[in-house]
Amino acid sequence: MENLLGVLGIGFLLGLKHALEPDHIIAVSTIAGKQKSLIHSSFLGVFWGIGHSLTLLGVFLILALTKGSIPQKWGMAFEMGVGVMLIYLGILSFLTLKKKNRRKESKENKQLFLKSMFIGQIHGLAGSAAMTLLVVSAVDSIKSAILYIGIFGAGTILGMLVFTCVVSLPFVFSGKMQRMDRILTGTASVISICYGIYYIYLMGYQEGLFI
């Protein structure tokens, strides 16, 4: 029992750390600036974490029930999907720089929450192969594995909640300074596009997906 509690504690800490990986931070940054409320921005992180955790759990259960595994090439392809998504998010954020009006704000908020969850699902799919190996090596039963993924997910949700709150502070305070708001949004867009290109190169050539 003590060993299991220790493993779960490590899982929670790993979840916190996992939430702050560069590709996660960059992806959420592209939409965090669209919220002018710290509460709403924090919920973007929560929805990202929910989407991420549900995908990890779903993939693990499928693999556990079928006794299958994710082929290495598939895993790299999922990772490359993150790069494509980062480029898309960067371009989309850049194109919406001129559309900063707040009409239909409640509808926009709902769309952003769902978008954040979808981003989390993409990241969850990309990390599912590594998570499956980690869980199998850490615990010895499906019940414990589900509990581990749940605790890991709680860590990622908390980590992303805190991060989105922090990263949104500049956007919130620049809300009445349109020029600064545009600079911050544009910077986040460029970083997302550049990192997405780098990520595709990393998976395609350094990791060998295209070779």
Protein backbone atom coordinates (compact mmCIF):
# COMPACT_ATOMS: atom_id res chain seq x y z
CA MET A 1 0.00 0.00 0.00
CA GLU A 2 2.83 2.39 0.90
CA ASN A 3 4.54 1.59 -2.39
CA LEU A 4 1.33 2.37 -4.31
CA LEU A 5 0.89 5.69 -2.47
CA GLY A 6 4.49 6.56 -3.29
CA VAL A 7 3.94 5.75 -6.97
CA LEU A 8 0.74 7.82 -7.04
CA GLY A 9 2.54 10.74 -5.41
CA ILE A 10 5.24 10.57 -8.07
CA GLY A 11 2.50 10.38 -10.72
CA PHE A 12 0.95 13.60 -9.41
CA LEU A 13 4.31 15.40 -9.48
CA LEU A 14 5.01 14.09 -12.98
CA GLY A 15 1.61 15.38 -14.04
CA LEU A 16 2.48 18.85 -12.75
CA LYS A 17 5.78 18.75 -14.63
CA HIS A 18 4.15 17.34 -17.75
CA ALA A 19 1.71 20.25 -17.97
CA LEU A 20 4.63 22.65 -18.36
CA GLU A 21 6.27 21.03 -21.36
CA PRO A 22 7.06 23.59 -24.11
CA ASP A 23 4.55 22.35 -26.69
CA HIS A 24 1.75 22.40 -24.10
CA ILE A 25 2.63 25.91 -22.96
CA ILE A 26 2.89 27.29 -26.49
CA ALA A 27 -0.39 25.72 -27.66
CA VAL A 28 -2.44 27.09 -24.78
CA SER A 29 -0.74 30.49 -25.01
CA THR A 30 -2.24 31.01 -28.46
CA ILE A 31 -5.78 30.96 -27.05
CA ALA A 32 -5.19 32.24 -23.50
CA GLY A 33 -4.84 35.78 -24.82
CA LYS A 34 -8.39 35.69 -26.19
CA GLN A 35 -9.74 35.76 -22.65
CA LYS A 36 -9.73 38.98 -20.64
CA SER A 37 -10.68 37.26 -17.40
CA LEU A 38 -8.28 35.31 -15.20
CA ILE A 39 -11.11 32.98 -14.18
CA HIS A 40 -11.99 32.15 -17.78
CA SER A 41 -8.32 31.73 -18.66
CA SER A 42 -7.86 29.34 -15.76
CA PHE A 43 -10.76 27.26 -17.02
CA LEU A 44 -8.97 26.96 -20.37
CA GLY A 45 -6.23 25.14 -18.49
CA VAL A 46 -8.75 22.92 -16.72
CA PHE A 47 -10.43 21.93 -19.99
CA TRP A 48 -7.03 21.25 -21.57
CA GLY A 49 -6.19 18.96 -18.68
CA ILE A 50 -9.53 17.16 -18.90
CA GLY A 51 -9.12 16.50 -22.62
CA HIS A 52 -5.55 15.35 -22.12
CA SER A 53 -6.40 13.00 -19.26
CA LEU A 54 -9.47 11.45 -20.90
CA THR A 55 -7.49 10.67 -24.04
CA LEU A 56 -4.65 9.05 -22.08
CA LEU A 57 -7.14 6.97 -20.11
CA GLY A 58 -9.13 5.98 -23.21
CA VAL A 59 -6.06 4.87 -25.17
CA PHE A 60 -4.68 2.94 -22.19
CA LEU A 61 -7.97 1.08 -21.66
CA ILE A 62 -8.18 0.15 -25.34
CA LEU A 63 -4.61 -1.16 -25.32
CA ALA A 64 -5.13 -2.98 -22.01
CA LEU A 65 -8.30 -4.70 -23.20
CA THR A 66 -6.89 -5.64 -26.60
CA LYS A 67 -3.43 -6.43 -25.17
CA GLY A 68 -2.01 -4.31 -27.96
CA SER A 69 0.58 -1.56 -28.19
CA ILE A 70 1.15 1.59 -30.21
CA PRO A 71 3.65 1.05 -33.05
CA GLN A 72 6.65 3.36 -32.88
CA LYS A 73 5.82 4.98 -36.22
CA TRP A 74 2.28 5.70 -35.04
CA GLY A 75 3.62 7.27 -31.87
CA MET A 76 5.91 9.57 -33.87
CA ALA A 77 3.04 10.40 -36.24
CA PHE A 78 0.89 11.42 -33.26
CA GLU A 79 3.75 13.58 -32.02
CA MET A 80 4.05 15.18 -35.44
CA GLY A 81 0.35 15.97 -35.27
CA VAL A 82 1.22 18.27 -32.36
CA GLY A 83 3.60 20.18 -34.63
CA VAL A 84 0.92 20.58 -37.29
CA MET A 85 -1.54 21.75 -34.64
CA LEU A 86 0.93 24.34 -33.31
CA ILE A 87 1.37 25.79 -36.80
CA TYR A 88 -2.40 25.87 -37.30
CA LEU A 89 -3.00 27.56 -33.93
CA GLY A 90 -0.30 30.12 -34.61
CA ILE A 91 -1.68 31.00 -38.04
CA LEU A 92 -5.26 31.14 -36.75
CA SER A 93 -4.27 33.38 -33.85
CA PHE A 94 -2.36 35.66 -36.20
CA LEU A 95 -5.30 35.93 -38.59
CA THR A 96 -7.66 36.88 -35.78
CA LEU A 97 -5.53 39.82 -34.62
CA LYS A 98 -7.93 42.17 -36.39
CA LYS A 99 -11.01 40.53 -34.92
CA LYS A 100 -10.69 41.54 -31.30
CA ASN A 101 -14.27 42.61 -30.69
CA ARG A 102 -16.07 40.93 -27.79
CA ARG A 103 -19.49 40.34 -29.34
CA LYS A 104 -21.19 37.09 -28.42
CA GLU A 105 -18.67 36.65 -25.63
CA SER A 106 -20.45 33.76 -23.92
CA LYS A 107 -20.58 31.79 -27.15
CA GLU A 108 -16.92 32.60 -27.80
CA ASN A 109 -15.98 31.41 -24.31
CA LYS A 110 -17.74 28.08 -24.87
CA GLN A 111 -15.93 27.61 -28.18
CA LEU A 112 -12.57 28.37 -26.58
CA PHE A 113 -13.19 25.90 -23.76
CA LEU A 114 -14.03 23.17 -26.28
CA LYS A 115 -11.03 24.16 -28.36
CA SER A 116 -8.78 23.94 -25.32
CA MET A 117 -10.14 20.46 -24.55
CA PHE A 118 -9.46 19.39 -28.15
CA ILE A 119 -5.90 20.70 -27.91
CA GLY A 120 -5.47 18.66 -24.74
CA GLN A 121 -6.79 15.57 -26.55
CA ILE A 122 -4.22 15.99 -29.32
CA HIS A 123 -1.44 16.28 -26.77
CA GLY A 124 -2.85 13.30 -24.89
CA LEU A 125 -2.86 11.18 -28.04
CA ALA A 126 0.74 12.20 -28.76
CA GLY A 127 1.84 11.19 -25.27
CA SER A 128 -0.23 8.01 -25.02
CA ALA A 129 2.56 5.64 -26.10
CA ALA A 130 5.00 6.93 -23.48
CA MET A 131 2.29 7.01 -20.80
CA THR A 132 1.29 3.41 -21.50
CA LEU A 133 4.89 2.24 -21.03
CA LEU A 134 5.22 4.32 -17.86
CA VAL A 135 2.03 2.98 -16.32
CA VAL A 136 2.86 -0.64 -17.16
CA SER A 137 6.26 -0.29 -15.50
CA ALA A 138 4.91 1.54 -12.44
CA VAL A 139 1.88 -0.55 -11.42
CA ASP A 140 0.78 -4.17 -11.65
CA SER A 141 -3.00 -4.04 -12.19
CA ILE A 142 -5.49 -2.24 -14.42
CA LYS A 143 -7.25 -0.79 -11.37
CA SER A 144 -4.00 0.72 -10.09
CA ALA A 145 -3.17 1.91 -13.60
CA ILE A 146 -6.47 3.77 -13.90
CA LEU A 147 -5.88 5.33 -10.49
CA TYR A 148 -2.36 6.34 -11.53
CA ILE A 149 -3.57 7.98 -14.74
CA GLY A 150 -6.28 9.77 -12.77
CA ILE A 151 -3.73 11.15 -10.29
CA PHE A 152 -1.38 12.05 -13.13
CA GLY A 153 -4.29 13.80 -14.82
CA ALA A 154 -5.09 15.74 -11.66
CA GLY A 155 -1.50 16.94 -11.64
CA THR A 156 -1.65 18.08 -15.25
CA ILE A 157 -4.96 19.86 -14.66
CA LEU A 158 -3.59 21.72 -11.64
CA GLY A 159 -0.35 22.54 -13.44
CA MET A 160 -2.12 23.87 -16.52
CA LEU A 161 -4.65 25.79 -14.42
CA VAL A 162 -1.85 27.65 -12.67
CA PHE A 163 0.07 28.18 -15.91
CA THR A 164 -2.86 29.57 -17.90
CA CYS A 165 -3.64 31.92 -15.04
CA VAL A 166 -0.05 33.22 -15.01
CA VAL A 167 0.34 33.47 -18.79
CA SER A 168 -2.94 35.36 -19.07
CA LEU A 169 -1.84 38.14 -16.70
CA PRO A 170 -0.05 40.19 -19.41
CA PHE A 171 -3.05 39.85 -21.75
CA VAL A 172 -5.49 40.87 -19.02
CA PHE A 173 -3.48 43.94 -18.05
CA SER A 174 -2.97 44.90 -21.70
CA GLY A 175 -6.69 44.64 -22.42
CA LYS A 176 -7.10 48.40 -22.64
CA MET A 177 -3.82 48.84 -24.51
CA GLN A 178 -4.64 47.55 -27.95
CA ARG A 179 -1.12 47.89 -29.31
CA MET A 180 0.41 45.86 -26.48
CA ASP A 181 -2.34 43.27 -26.80
CA ARG A 182 -1.58 42.87 -30.49
CA ILE A 183 2.16 42.57 -29.80
CA LEU A 184 1.62 39.83 -27.22
CA THR A 185 -0.80 37.93 -29.45
CA GLY A 186 1.48 38.27 -32.46
CA THR A 187 4.48 37.06 -30.47
CA ALA A 188 2.58 34.00 -29.24
CA SER A 189 1.51 33.27 -32.83
CA VAL A 190 5.05 33.46 -34.25
CA ILE A 191 6.47 31.29 -31.46
CA SER A 192 3.75 28.68 -32.04
CA ILE A 193 4.42 28.54 -35.79
CA CYS A 194 8.19 28.36 -35.39
CA TYR A 195 8.06 25.70 -32.69
CA GLY A 196 5.56 23.69 -34.75
CA ILE A 197 7.98 23.69 -37.72
CA TYR A 198 10.82 22.67 -35.41
CA TYR A 199 8.69 19.89 -33.88
CA ILE A 200 7.84 18.47 -37.30
CA TYR A 201 11.53 18.53 -38.25
CA LEU A 202 12.42 16.86 -34.95
CA MET A 203 9.93 14.02 -35.41
CA GLY A 204 10.40 13.69 -39.16
CA TYR A 205 14.18 13.69 -39.44
CA GLN A 206 15.90 13.49 -36.07
CA GLU A 207 13.52 10.82 -34.77
CA GLY A 208 13.33 9.16 -38.19
CA LEU A 209 9.65 9.23 -39.18
CA PHE A 210 10.51 10.40 -42.70
CA ILE A 211 13.60 8.21 -43.02
